[in-house]
Structure formats: structure tokens, C-alpha cells
Amino acid sequence: MTAPPKHVWIALVTVWIVWGSTYFGIKVAVETMPPLLAGGSRFLVAGSILAAVLALRGTSLRVSRRELLGSSIAGLLLLTVGVGLVHVAETRIDSSVAAMIAGTVPLQIILMRLAAGQDVARATRLSTLAGLLGLGLVVAPGLGSGSTALGLAIMISATISWSIGSFLSGRLGMPRDPFVAAVYEMLAGGLLLSLGALAVGEWGQVGASTFATDAVLAWVYLVIVGSLVGFTAYAWLLRVAPISLVVTHQYVNPLVAIALGVLLLAERPGPLALLGSVLIIGAVYAAIRAETPRRAHAAAKPKPRPEPLDQAA
């Protein structure tokens, strides 16, 4: 399938900006909204809207039990834990720091490939080590504060869950249509987050102050733009554009998140964190360049739904 270059670049820039801005949106939303409830309601609404759109277009939403189970497991790992914990972490750490840590997901997946005995180029291994050093520099300044350190630990846990979900997604028997799979992932992830919110008492925290204008607008942005527009653009790009071009968002998204945090939230990452982010982004860039010939060769063979290597909050 081919598409006009103009349309490809519009979709690519959309993914760059939208997925980079979700960290900003989450930070604003959780200022007054309970984090698990904000994330759970976001995915339930987004999944319901996407299901309605697909139904109106005549797309069948019927899936087998195996596909439903696979989608639910992916929803648990990617959305309930992977993104849900980002909402929790950002109640304690800056959005820019969260984005820097999320930028290590492609490198974590490379480590999982190594652990699974897969062949990984030497340049990829070296870039992964450099990126993990960068992660150490990002988290080091916050280790002296109990609240911040806990937020950092939660954010790292979120990225590990996303990495595991990404690594396993191609092996879970997911629906072949990525949009149908997304419906069940979002509904499962949203339901589990909402149950988690109920278990920890977040429903009892809801009051008039919960629905501050800024927080509500940020939540709506995350539902419509972050979840629906961003994912739709990304799924379309995977079908019409070279993977080497699509994955550029993996090192652009953290830059967008850092810029928004500095300009709109008055966040001020320290020198060590900024140096660490440079190492992470550079390492991801180097790893992608080293892996591109392998991906291009693999693209010539039919394969199932591609693994998401990034963490789109």
C-alpha cells in the first residue's frame, strides 16, 4: 500500500507531537484527578469510541477466545501497568523525567532479546549499555528524596511492564486487525485500572475539585488526541511507511515532552538528567540505525502485527 509523501509526513509529525505531549497531558490531569481512575476512564472511553467507529465502518469486532485473552494480557501489561503507573508516577516526578525514562523502552526490549538468545549486533549492544548509563544519570538526582525516589521506581516499573508487553505481543495470538486489537486492549486495560482505583479507594476521592477545568481538558485531550488520533496515525504509518521512518518517533517523543515540561510546566531538569536524556536518545537512535538493515530484510517476509517498541503514554 502506498500513500502520498505529504500524508505520510503529516501522520508522522502527528505521532511525534501527540505521543510526546501525552506526558504533559497526564501531569496536568493528575493534579486533581486520582491517577488510576484518570487512566482507567480514559481507556474505557477511548476504547468505546474506537469500537463504535469500527462498527459504523462495518468492521467486525468478533474475536476468538484466544484473541480476547491475548488482547487482555496485552492490555494488562501495556495499559494497566505500563501506562497506568505512568499516571501514578507523575504525581511524584516531572513529566519530562517520566518521558526520559520511557525513552529506554527500546533498549529494554533489546536486553530481553539478548536474554531470549536472539542475535543482536555488537553496535546495538553497545548503544544499549550507553542508554542504560543515561538512565542512571536521569534517576540519580532524585534518589535522595523518598517521594521522588518512589515515583522514579514506579516509572521504571511501568517501562519494564511495557517492554514485557511489547516483547510478548507478537506471541499472544492477538487479532490481526490492529484497530480491533486496540479496542480490546483499551477496554481490558481501562477496566482493570478502574477496578484498581476502586481497590485503593480512589472512587471515594472524587469530588467537585476533581474536575478542575485544566484537568478535564487534559483528560479529554488524552482520550481523543493521545489515544485515538495518535494510535490511528501510528497504525496507518505502519502499513504505508518504511519502519525506519516510523520509529523516528522513539527519539523525538522525549524531546517534545521535555520541551513542553520546560515551557508550560516550568520544569527544570538538572544537568545530570539532561546529560542522561542525551545518552538515552542517542543510544536509541544508534540502536535503530544498527537494526534498520535487519528490519528491512524482515519486512520482505509476511509477519504478524509488529511489536510496539515505544511507550506511548
C-alpha atoms as a PDB file:
ATOM      1  CA  MET A   1       0.000   0.000   0.000  1.00  0.00           C
ATOM      2  CA  THR A   2       1.415   3.413  -0.969  1.00  0.00           C
ATOM      3  CA  ALA A   3       0.440   6.888   0.187  1.00  0.00           C
ATOM      4  CA  PRO A   4       1.359  10.436  -0.858  1.00  0.00           C
ATOM      5  CA  PRO A   5       4.548  11.586   0.918  1.00  0.00           C
ATOM      6  CA  LYS A   6       2.668  14.649   2.217  1.00  0.00           C
ATOM      7  CA  HIS A   7       0.162  12.438   4.038  1.00  0.00           C
ATOM      8  CA  VAL A   8       2.942  10.269   5.458  1.00  0.00           C
ATOM      9  CA  TRP A   9       4.742  13.289   6.898  1.00  0.00           C
ATOM     10  CA  ILE A  10       1.538  14.748   8.342  1.00  0.00           C
ATOM     11  CA  ALA A  11       0.880  11.454  10.133  1.00  0.00           C
ATOM     12  CA  LEU A  12       4.500  11.177  11.277  1.00  0.00           C
ATOM     13  CA  VAL A  13       4.598  14.701  12.727  1.00  0.00           C
ATOM     14  CA  THR A  14       1.262  13.964  14.402  1.00  0.00           C
ATOM     15  CA  VAL A  15       2.772  10.945  16.172  1.00  0.00           C
ATOM     16  CA  TRP A  16       5.887  12.947  17.095  1.00  0.00           C
ATOM     17  CA  ILE A  17       3.880  15.709  18.742  1.00  0.00           C
ATOM     18  CA  VAL A  18       0.889  13.789  20.089  1.00  0.00           C
ATOM     19  CA  TRP A  19       2.751  10.975  21.815  1.00  0.00           C
ATOM     20  CA  GLY A  20       5.377  13.396  23.086  1.00  0.00           C
ATOM     21  CA  SER A  21       2.650  15.591  24.569  1.00  0.00           C
ATOM     22  CA  THR A  22       0.857  12.827  26.471  1.00  0.00           C
ATOM     23  CA  TYR A  23       3.304  13.123  29.384  1.00  0.00           C
ATOM     24  CA  PHE A  24       2.344  16.790  29.701  1.00  0.00           C
ATOM     25  CA  GLY A  25      -1.353  15.876  29.484  1.00  0.00           C
ATOM     26  CA  ILE A  26      -1.034  13.230  32.196  1.00  0.00           C
ATOM     27  CA  LYS A  27       0.816  15.631  34.506  1.00  0.00           C
ATOM     28  CA  VAL A  28      -1.984  18.193  34.220  1.00  0.00           C
ATOM     29  CA  ALA A  29      -4.771  15.607  34.584  1.00  0.00           C
ATOM     30  CA  VAL A  30      -3.412  14.002  37.768  1.00  0.00           C
ATOM     31  CA  GLU A  31      -3.027  17.335  39.527  1.00  0.00           C
ATOM     32  CA  THR A  32      -6.654  16.914  40.648  1.00  0.00           C
ATOM     33  CA  MET A  33      -7.818  13.549  39.261  1.00  0.00           C
ATOM     34  CA  PRO A  34      -6.950  10.274  41.053  1.00  0.00           C
ATOM     35  CA  PRO A  35      -4.308   8.699  38.762  1.00  0.00           C
ATOM     36  CA  LEU A  36      -5.683   5.166  38.327  1.00  0.00           C
ATOM     37  CA  LEU A  37      -9.203   6.449  37.812  1.00  0.00           C
ATOM     38  CA  ALA A  38      -7.998   9.043  35.284  1.00  0.00           C
ATOM     39  CA  GLY A  39      -6.168   6.373  33.293  1.00  0.00           C
ATOM     40  CA  GLY A  40      -8.921   3.772  33.556  1.00  0.00           C
ATOM     41  CA  SER A  41     -11.714   6.098  32.465  1.00  0.00           C
ATOM     42  CA  ARG A  42      -9.519   7.408  29.659  1.00  0.00           C
ATOM     43  CA  PHE A  43      -9.027   3.975  28.130  1.00  0.00           C
ATOM     44  CA  LEU A  44     -12.612   2.829  28.658  1.00  0.00           C
ATOM     45  CA  VAL A  45     -13.933   5.886  26.827  1.00  0.00           C
ATOM     46  CA  ALA A  46     -11.296   5.737  24.066  1.00  0.00           C
ATOM     47  CA  GLY A  47     -11.885   2.012  23.531  1.00  0.00           C
ATOM     48  CA  SER A  48     -15.648   2.508  23.372  1.00  0.00           C
ATOM     49  CA  ILE A  49     -15.323   5.332  20.837  1.00  0.00           C
ATOM     50  CA  LEU A  50     -12.968   3.296  18.651  1.00  0.00           C
ATOM     51  CA  ALA A  51     -15.322   0.295  18.811  1.00  0.00           C
ATOM     52  CA  ALA A  52     -18.244   2.489  17.718  1.00  0.00           C
ATOM     53  CA  VAL A  53     -16.252   3.934  14.816  1.00  0.00           C
ATOM     54  CA  LEU A  54     -15.196   0.473  13.633  1.00  0.00           C
ATOM     55  CA  ALA A  55     -18.755  -0.823  13.902  1.00  0.00           C
ATOM     56  CA  LEU A  56     -20.068   2.097  11.843  1.00  0.00           C
ATOM     57  CA  ARG A  57     -17.438   1.332   9.200  1.00  0.00           C
ATOM     58  CA  GLY A  58     -18.609  -2.281   9.065  1.00  0.00           C
ATOM     59  CA  THR A  59     -15.521  -3.774  10.722  1.00  0.00           C
ATOM     60  CA  SER A  60     -16.281  -6.970  12.605  1.00  0.00           C
ATOM     61  CA  LEU A  61     -15.341  -6.866  16.282  1.00  0.00           C
ATOM     62  CA  ARG A  62     -15.763 -10.612  16.734  1.00  0.00           C
ATOM     63  CA  VAL A  63     -12.677 -12.328  18.088  1.00  0.00           C
ATOM     64  CA  SER A  64     -11.852 -15.814  19.279  1.00  0.00           C
ATOM     65  CA  ARG A  65     -11.373 -16.630  22.962  1.00  0.00           C
ATOM     66  CA  ARG A  66      -7.640 -16.912  22.358  1.00  0.00           C
ATOM     67  CA  GLU A  67      -7.546 -13.472  20.725  1.00  0.00           C
ATOM     68  CA  LEU A  68      -9.608 -11.986  23.558  1.00  0.00           C
ATOM     69  CA  LEU A  69      -7.236 -13.490  26.127  1.00  0.00           C
ATOM     70  CA  GLY A  70      -4.182 -12.255  24.221  1.00  0.00           C
ATOM     71  CA  SER A  71      -5.628  -8.739  23.950  1.00  0.00           C
ATOM     72  CA  SER A  72      -6.477  -8.745  27.663  1.00  0.00           C
ATOM     73  CA  ILE A  73      -2.961  -9.782  28.644  1.00  0.00           C
ATOM     74  CA  ALA A  74      -1.515  -7.104  26.364  1.00  0.00           C
ATOM     75  CA  GLY A  75      -3.929  -4.564  27.863  1.00  0.00           C
ATOM     76  CA  LEU A  76      -2.796  -5.541  31.357  1.00  0.00           C
ATOM     77  CA  LEU A  77       0.919  -5.235  30.591  1.00  0.00           C
ATOM     78  CA  LEU A  78       0.841  -2.246  28.226  1.00  0.00           C
ATOM     79  CA  LEU A  79      -2.015  -0.118  29.556  1.00  0.00           C
ATOM     80  CA  THR A  80      -2.988  -1.155  33.098  1.00  0.00           C
ATOM     81  CA  VAL A  81       0.568  -1.380  34.387  1.00  0.00           C
ATOM     82  CA  GLY A  82       2.580   0.203  31.562  1.00  0.00           C
ATOM     83  CA  VAL A  83       0.574   3.423  31.210  1.00  0.00           C
ATOM     84  CA  GLY A  84      -1.478   3.310  34.408  1.00  0.00           C
ATOM     85  CA  LEU A  85       1.656   3.501  36.517  1.00  0.00           C
ATOM     86  CA  VAL A  86       2.845   6.486  34.454  1.00  0.00           C
ATOM     87  CA  HIS A  87      -0.198   8.346  35.783  1.00  0.00           C
ATOM     88  CA  VAL A  88       0.816   7.355  39.334  1.00  0.00           C
ATOM     89  CA  ALA A  89       4.491   8.209  38.819  1.00  0.00           C
ATOM     90  CA  GLU A  90       3.698  11.676  37.510  1.00  0.00           C
ATOM     91  CA  THR A  91       2.072  12.572  40.820  1.00  0.00           C
ATOM     92  CA  ARG A  92       5.636  12.434  42.208  1.00  0.00           C
ATOM     93  CA  ILE A  93       8.036  13.225  39.345  1.00  0.00           C
ATOM     94  CA  ASP A  94       8.200  15.713  36.469  1.00  0.00           C
ATOM     95  CA  SER A  95       6.651  14.807  33.122  1.00  0.00           C
ATOM     96  CA  SER A  96       9.992  15.394  31.396  1.00  0.00           C
ATOM     97  CA  VAL A  97      11.737  12.891  33.696  1.00  0.00           C
ATOM     98  CA  ALA A  98       8.966  10.359  33.058  1.00  0.00           C
ATOM     99  CA  ALA A  99       9.474  10.778  29.306  1.00  0.00           C
ATOM    100  CA  MET A 100      13.252  10.352  29.633  1.00  0.00           C
ATOM    101  CA  ILE A 101      12.776   7.067  31.490  1.00  0.00           C
ATOM    102  CA  ALA A 102      10.147   5.890  28.971  1.00  0.00           C
ATOM    103  CA  GLY A 103      12.700   6.538  26.237  1.00  0.00           C
ATOM    104  CA  THR A 104      14.658   3.483  27.429  1.00  0.00           C
ATOM    105  CA  VAL A 105      11.904   1.028  26.419  1.00  0.00           C
ATOM    106  CA  PRO A 106      13.513   0.112  23.052  1.00  0.00           C
ATOM    107  CA  LEU A 107      16.755  -0.587  24.913  1.00  0.00           C
ATOM    108  CA  GLN A 108      14.990  -2.749  27.485  1.00  0.00           C
ATOM    109  CA  ILE A 109      13.470  -4.796  24.683  1.00  0.00           C
ATOM    110  CA  ILE A 110      16.938  -5.329  23.248  1.00  0.00           C
ATOM    111  CA  LEU A 111      18.019  -6.712  26.647  1.00  0.00           C
ATOM    112  CA  MET A 112      15.037  -9.081  26.561  1.00  0.00           C
ATOM    113  CA  ARG A 113      16.021 -10.216  23.084  1.00  0.00           C
ATOM    114  CA  LEU A 114      19.509 -10.951  24.400  1.00  0.00           C
ATOM    115  CA  ALA A 115      18.076 -12.874  27.345  1.00  0.00           C
ATOM    116  CA  ALA A 116      15.964 -14.896  24.899  1.00  0.00           C
ATOM    117  CA  GLY A 117      19.096 -15.863  22.987  1.00  0.00           C
ATOM    118  CA  GLN A 118      18.382 -13.773  19.898  1.00  0.00           C
ATOM    119  CA  ASP A 119      21.210 -12.494  17.722  1.00  0.00           C
ATOM    120  CA  VAL A 120      21.860  -8.809  18.449  1.00  0.00           C
ATOM    121  CA  ALA A 121      24.539  -6.789  16.660  1.00  0.00           C
ATOM    122  CA  ARG A 122      27.522  -5.568  18.670  1.00  0.00           C
ATOM    123  CA  ALA A 123      26.718  -1.932  17.888  1.00  0.00           C
ATOM    124  CA  THR A 124      23.209  -2.467  19.256  1.00  0.00           C
ATOM    125  CA  ARG A 125      24.601  -3.956  22.469  1.00  0.00           C
ATOM    126  CA  LEU A 126      26.997  -1.055  22.976  1.00  0.00           C
ATOM    127  CA  SER A 127      24.283   1.526  22.363  1.00  0.00           C
ATOM    128  CA  THR A 128      22.063  -0.272  24.879  1.00  0.00           C
ATOM    129  CA  LEU A 129      24.760  -0.039  27.552  1.00  0.00           C
ATOM    130  CA  ALA A 130      25.165   3.679  26.825  1.00  0.00           C
ATOM    131  CA  GLY A 131      21.410   4.198  27.116  1.00  0.00           C
ATOM    132  CA  LEU A 132      21.217   2.388  30.441  1.00  0.00           C
ATOM    133  CA  LEU A 133      24.052   4.581  31.721  1.00  0.00           C
ATOM    134  CA  GLY A 134      21.933   7.530  30.649  1.00  0.00           C
ATOM    135  CA  LEU A 135      19.007   6.095  32.639  1.00  0.00           C
ATOM    136  CA  GLY A 136      21.242   6.005  35.707  1.00  0.00           C
ATOM    137  CA  LEU A 137      22.082   9.673  35.253  1.00  0.00           C
ATOM    138  CA  VAL A 138      18.384  10.575  34.897  1.00  0.00           C
ATOM    139  CA  VAL A 139      17.300   8.867  38.114  1.00  0.00           C
ATOM    140  CA  ALA A 140      20.383   9.649  40.238  1.00  0.00           C
ATOM    141  CA  PRO A 141      19.359  13.215  41.263  1.00  0.00           C
ATOM    142  CA  GLY A 142      16.014  12.015  42.641  1.00  0.00           C
ATOM    143  CA  LEU A 143      17.293   9.156  44.776  1.00  0.00           C
ATOM    144  CA  GLY A 144      17.786  11.407  47.809  1.00  0.00           C
ATOM    145  CA  SER A 145      14.081  12.220  48.160  1.00  0.00           C
ATOM    146  CA  GLY A 146      11.722   9.480  49.364  1.00  0.00           C
ATOM    147  CA  SER A 147       8.696  10.683  47.392  1.00  0.00           C
ATOM    148  CA  THR A 148      10.668  11.332  44.215  1.00  0.00           C
ATOM    149  CA  ALA A 149      12.580   8.053  44.527  1.00  0.00           C
ATOM    150  CA  LEU A 150       9.287   6.181  44.820  1.00  0.00           C
ATOM    151  CA  GLY A 151       7.995   7.969  41.725  1.00  0.00           C
ATOM    152  CA  LEU A 152      11.133   7.001  39.818  1.00  0.00           C
ATOM    153  CA  ALA A 153      10.767   3.363  40.907  1.00  0.00           C
ATOM    154  CA  ILE A 154       7.111   3.347  39.817  1.00  0.00           C
ATOM    155  CA  MET A 155       8.034   4.851  36.442  1.00  0.00           C
ATOM    156  CA  ILE A 156      10.799   2.305  35.848  1.00  0.00           C
ATOM    157  CA  SER A 157       8.327  -0.472  36.757  1.00  0.00           C
ATOM    158  CA  ALA A 158       5.901   0.972  34.209  1.00  0.00           C
ATOM    159  CA  THR A 159       8.524   0.867  31.452  1.00  0.00           C
ATOM    160  CA  ILE A 160       9.506  -2.698  32.327  1.00  0.00           C
ATOM    161  CA  SER A 161       5.873  -3.815  32.080  1.00  0.00           C
ATOM    162  CA  TRP A 162       5.504  -2.012  28.737  1.00  0.00           C
ATOM    163  CA  SER A 163       8.706  -3.651  27.474  1.00  0.00           C
ATOM    164  CA  ILE A 164       7.495  -7.112  28.509  1.00  0.00           C
ATOM    165  CA  GLY A 165       4.125  -6.495  26.866  1.00  0.00           C
ATOM    166  CA  SER A 166       5.795  -5.266  23.694  1.00  0.00           C
ATOM    167  CA  PHE A 167       8.158  -8.233  23.602  1.00  0.00           C
ATOM    168  CA  LEU A 168       5.326 -10.724  24.063  1.00  0.00           C
ATOM    169  CA  SER A 169       2.633  -9.044  21.955  1.00  0.00           C
ATOM    170  CA  GLY A 170       3.554 -10.889  18.776  1.00  0.00           C
ATOM    171  CA  ARG A 171       3.240 -14.201  20.643  1.00  0.00           C
ATOM    172  CA  LEU A 172      -0.119 -13.672  22.345  1.00  0.00           C
ATOM    173  CA  GLY A 173      -2.470 -14.577  19.494  1.00  0.00           C
ATOM    174  CA  MET A 174      -3.783 -11.032  19.061  1.00  0.00           C
ATOM    175  CA  PRO A 175      -6.436 -10.070  16.456  1.00  0.00           C
ATOM    176  CA  ARG A 176      -4.746  -9.386  13.120  1.00  0.00           C
ATOM    177  CA  ASP A 177      -6.536  -6.057  12.698  1.00  0.00           C
ATOM    178  CA  PRO A 178      -4.543  -3.628  14.929  1.00  0.00           C
ATOM    179  CA  PHE A 179      -7.602  -1.416  15.444  1.00  0.00           C
ATOM    180  CA  VAL A 180      -9.720  -4.337  16.693  1.00  0.00           C
ATOM    181  CA  ALA A 181      -6.857  -5.412  18.935  1.00  0.00           C
ATOM    182  CA  ALA A 182      -6.609  -1.859  20.278  1.00  0.00           C
ATOM    183  CA  VAL A 183     -10.317  -1.873  21.197  1.00  0.00           C
ATOM    184  CA  TYR A 184      -9.952  -4.930  23.410  1.00  0.00           C
ATOM    185  CA  GLU A 185      -6.593  -3.812  24.820  1.00  0.00           C
ATOM    186  CA  MET A 186      -8.025  -0.432  25.844  1.00  0.00           C
ATOM    187  CA  LEU A 187     -11.240  -1.891  27.260  1.00  0.00           C
ATOM    188  CA  ALA A 188      -9.356  -4.545  29.247  1.00  0.00           C
ATOM    189  CA  GLY A 189      -6.693  -2.086  30.414  1.00  0.00           C
ATOM    190  CA  GLY A 190      -9.292   0.522  31.343  1.00  0.00           C
ATOM    191  CA  LEU A 191     -11.469  -1.967  33.233  1.00  0.00           C
ATOM    192  CA  LEU A 192      -8.524  -3.288  35.260  1.00  0.00           C
ATOM    193  CA  LEU A 193      -7.349   0.233  36.078  1.00  0.00           C
ATOM    194  CA  SER A 194     -10.858   1.198  37.195  1.00  0.00           C
ATOM    195  CA  LEU A 195     -11.019  -1.879  39.437  1.00  0.00           C
ATOM    196  CA  GLY A 196      -7.596  -0.946  40.808  1.00  0.00           C
ATOM    197  CA  ALA A 197      -8.887   2.554  41.535  1.00  0.00           C
ATOM    198  CA  LEU A 198     -11.816   1.026  43.410  1.00  0.00           C
ATOM    199  CA  ALA A 199      -9.497  -1.266  45.397  1.00  0.00           C
ATOM    200  CA  VAL A 200      -7.269   1.579  46.625  1.00  0.00           C
ATOM    201  CA  GLY A 201     -10.163   3.896  47.404  1.00  0.00           C
ATOM    202  CA  GLU A 202      -9.781   6.401  44.584  1.00  0.00           C
ATOM    203  CA  TRP A 203     -13.516   6.439  43.855  1.00  0.00           C
ATOM    204  CA  GLY A 204     -14.048   7.899  47.323  1.00  0.00           C
ATOM    205  CA  GLN A 205     -11.683  10.783  46.497  1.00  0.00           C
ATOM    206  CA  VAL A 206     -13.881  12.076  43.679  1.00  0.00           C
ATOM    207  CA  GLY A 207     -15.451  15.451  44.407  1.00  0.00           C
ATOM    208  CA  ALA A 208     -16.085  18.825  42.837  1.00  0.00           C
ATOM    209  CA  SER A 209     -12.369  19.712  42.987  1.00  0.00           C
ATOM    210  CA  THR A 210     -11.536  16.581  40.971  1.00  0.00           C
ATOM    211  CA  PHE A 211     -12.984  18.109  37.825  1.00  0.00           C
ATOM    212  CA  ALA A 212     -10.845  21.237  37.593  1.00  0.00           C
ATOM    213  CA  THR A 213     -11.057  22.767  34.132  1.00  0.00           C
ATOM    214  CA  ASP A 214      -7.397  22.184  33.243  1.00  0.00           C
ATOM    215  CA  ALA A 215      -7.527  18.557  34.383  1.00  0.00           C
ATOM    216  CA  VAL A 216     -10.724  17.812  32.462  1.00  0.00           C
ATOM    217  CA  LEU A 217      -9.371  19.404  29.285  1.00  0.00           C
ATOM    218  CA  ALA A 218      -6.148  17.394  29.654  1.00  0.00           C
ATOM    219  CA  TRP A 219      -8.176  14.189  30.148  1.00  0.00           C
ATOM    220  CA  VAL A 220     -10.254  14.897  27.024  1.00  0.00           C
ATOM    221  CA  TYR A 221      -7.032  15.562  25.095  1.00  0.00           C
ATOM    222  CA  LEU A 222      -5.597  12.240  26.249  1.00  0.00           C
ATOM    223  CA  VAL A 223      -8.757  10.377  25.185  1.00  0.00           C
ATOM    224  CA  ILE A 224      -9.289  11.982  21.784  1.00  0.00           C
ATOM    225  CA  VAL A 225      -5.850  13.065  20.648  1.00  0.00           C
ATOM    226  CA  GLY A 226      -3.472  10.916  22.703  1.00  0.00           C
ATOM    227  CA  SER A 227      -5.316   7.595  22.378  1.00  0.00           C
ATOM    228  CA  LEU A 228      -7.432   7.811  19.217  1.00  0.00           C
ATOM    229  CA  VAL A 229      -5.642  10.234  16.862  1.00  0.00           C
ATOM    230  CA  GLY A 230      -2.150   9.166  17.885  1.00  0.00           C
ATOM    231  CA  PHE A 231      -2.812   5.460  17.599  1.00  0.00           C
ATOM    232  CA  THR A 232      -4.714   5.772  14.328  1.00  0.00           C
ATOM    233  CA  ALA A 233      -1.857   7.740  12.761  1.00  0.00           C
ATOM    234  CA  TYR A 234       0.698   5.237  14.057  1.00  0.00           C
ATOM    235  CA  ALA A 235      -1.227   2.172  12.856  1.00  0.00           C
ATOM    236  CA  TRP A 236      -1.670   3.759   9.415  1.00  0.00           C
ATOM    237  CA  LEU A 237       2.038   4.606   9.199  1.00  0.00           C
ATOM    238  CA  LEU A 238       2.989   1.014   9.957  1.00  0.00           C
ATOM    239  CA  ARG A 239       1.103  -0.010   6.809  1.00  0.00           C
ATOM    240  CA  VAL A 240       2.316   2.649   4.361  1.00  0.00           C
ATOM    241  CA  ALA A 241       5.728   3.938   5.504  1.00  0.00           C
ATOM    242  CA  PRO A 242       9.184   2.360   5.944  1.00  0.00           C
ATOM    243  CA  ILE A 243       9.643   1.144   9.529  1.00  0.00           C
ATOM    244  CA  SER A 244      12.942   3.067   9.701  1.00  0.00           C
ATOM    245  CA  LEU A 245      10.933   6.280   9.253  1.00  0.00           C
ATOM    246  CA  VAL A 246       8.079   5.329  11.587  1.00  0.00           C
ATOM    247  CA  VAL A 247      10.358   4.527  14.523  1.00  0.00           C
ATOM    248  CA  THR A 248      11.900   8.011  14.479  1.00  0.00           C
ATOM    249  CA  HIS A 249       9.210   8.958  16.998  1.00  0.00           C
ATOM    250  CA  GLN A 250      11.101   6.910  19.584  1.00  0.00           C
ATOM    251  CA  TYR A 251      13.734   9.607  19.936  1.00  0.00           C
ATOM    252  CA  VAL A 252      11.566  12.613  19.016  1.00  0.00           C
ATOM    253  CA  ASN A 253       8.830  11.998  21.622  1.00  0.00           C
ATOM    254  CA  PRO A 254      11.124  12.543  24.649  1.00  0.00           C
ATOM    255  CA  LEU A 255      12.369  15.808  23.129  1.00  0.00           C
ATOM    256  CA  VAL A 256       8.782  17.041  22.721  1.00  0.00           C
ATOM    257  CA  ALA A 257       7.932  16.005  26.291  1.00  0.00           C
ATOM    258  CA  ILE A 258      10.992  17.760  27.731  1.00  0.00           C
ATOM    259  CA  ALA A 259      10.243  20.940  25.757  1.00  0.00           C
ATOM    260  CA  LEU A 260       6.600  21.026  26.907  1.00  0.00           C
ATOM    261  CA  GLY A 261       7.597  20.376  30.504  1.00  0.00           C
ATOM    262  CA  VAL A 262      10.089  23.235  30.466  1.00  0.00           C
ATOM    263  CA  LEU A 263       7.895  25.721  28.572  1.00  0.00           C
ATOM    264  CA  LEU A 264       4.455  25.006  30.049  1.00  0.00           C
ATOM    265  CA  LEU A 265       5.079  23.413  33.454  1.00  0.00           C
ATOM    266  CA  ALA A 266       8.217  25.300  34.482  1.00  0.00           C
ATOM    267  CA  GLU A 267      10.095  22.021  34.928  1.00  0.00           C
ATOM    268  CA  ARG A 268      13.842  22.380  35.173  1.00  0.00           C
ATOM    269  CA  PRO A 269      15.718  19.106  34.591  1.00  0.00           C
ATOM    270  CA  GLY A 270      19.165  19.205  36.157  1.00  0.00           C
ATOM    271  CA  PRO A 271      22.446  18.866  34.233  1.00  0.00           C
ATOM    272  CA  LEU A 272      22.778  15.142  35.032  1.00  0.00           C
ATOM    273  CA  ALA A 273      19.232  14.406  33.879  1.00  0.00           C
ATOM    274  CA  LEU A 274      19.752  16.347  30.659  1.00  0.00           C
ATOM    275  CA  LEU A 275      23.030  14.549  30.000  1.00  0.00           C
ATOM    276  CA  GLY A 276      21.295  11.251  30.695  1.00  0.00           C
ATOM    277  CA  SER A 277      18.490  12.121  28.262  1.00  0.00           C
ATOM    278  CA  VAL A 278      21.053  12.902  25.560  1.00  0.00           C
ATOM    279  CA  LEU A 279      22.670   9.499  26.131  1.00  0.00           C
ATOM    280  CA  ILE A 280      19.278   7.721  26.039  1.00  0.00           C
ATOM    281  CA  ILE A 281      18.071   9.447  22.879  1.00  0.00           C
ATOM    282  CA  GLY A 282      21.440   8.964  21.188  1.00  0.00           C
ATOM    283  CA  ALA A 283      21.520   5.302  22.178  1.00  0.00           C
ATOM    284  CA  VAL A 284      18.005   4.695  20.828  1.00  0.00           C
ATOM    285  CA  TYR A 285      18.965   6.438  17.583  1.00  0.00           C
ATOM    286  CA  ALA A 286      22.109   4.314  17.263  1.00  0.00           C
ATOM    287  CA  ALA A 287      20.221   1.109  18.071  1.00  0.00           C
ATOM    288  CA  ILE A 288      17.552   1.872  15.478  1.00  0.00           C
ATOM    289  CA  ARG A 289      20.207   2.626  12.836  1.00  0.00           C
ATOM    290  CA  ALA A 290      22.027  -0.601  13.667  1.00  0.00           C
ATOM    291  CA  GLU A 291      18.795  -2.614  13.488  1.00  0.00           C
ATOM    292  CA  THR A 292      17.360  -0.996  10.333  1.00  0.00           C
ATOM    293  CA  PRO A 293      19.014  -3.397   7.829  1.00  0.00           C
ATOM    294  CA  ARG A 294      17.659  -6.340   9.840  1.00  0.00           C
ATOM    295  CA  ARG A 295      14.176  -4.842   9.957  1.00  0.00           C
ATOM    296  CA  ALA A 296      14.240  -4.044   6.255  1.00  0.00           C
ATOM    297  CA  HIS A 297      15.201  -7.634   5.478  1.00  0.00           C
ATOM    298  CA  ALA A 298      12.484  -8.982   7.783  1.00  0.00           C
ATOM    299  CA  ALA A 299       9.897  -6.685   6.216  1.00  0.00           C
ATOM    300  CA  ALA A 300      10.215  -8.638   2.961  1.00  0.00           C
ATOM    301  CA  LYS A 301       8.586 -11.611   4.708  1.00  0.00           C
ATOM    302  CA  PRO A 302       4.946 -11.740   5.822  1.00  0.00           C
ATOM    303  CA  LYS A 303       4.699 -11.282   9.577  1.00  0.00           C
ATOM    304  CA  PRO A 304       2.041 -10.706  12.246  1.00  0.00           C
ATOM    305  CA  ARG A 305       1.203  -7.423  13.919  1.00  0.00           C
ATOM    306  CA  PRO A 306       4.505  -5.651  14.717  1.00  0.00           C
ATOM    307  CA  GLU A 307       5.712  -5.315  18.283  1.00  0.00           C
ATOM    308  CA  PRO A 308       5.378  -1.782  19.725  1.00  0.00           C
ATOM    309  CA  LEU A 309       8.896  -0.817  20.781  1.00  0.00           C
ATOM    310  CA  ASP A 310       7.970   2.502  22.300  1.00  0.00           C
ATOM    311  CA  GLN A 311       5.995   3.501  25.347  1.00  0.00           C
ATOM    312  CA  ALA A 312       3.156   5.728  24.234  1.00  0.00           C
ATOM    313  CA  ALA A 313       1.584   7.100  27.366  1.00  0.00           C
END
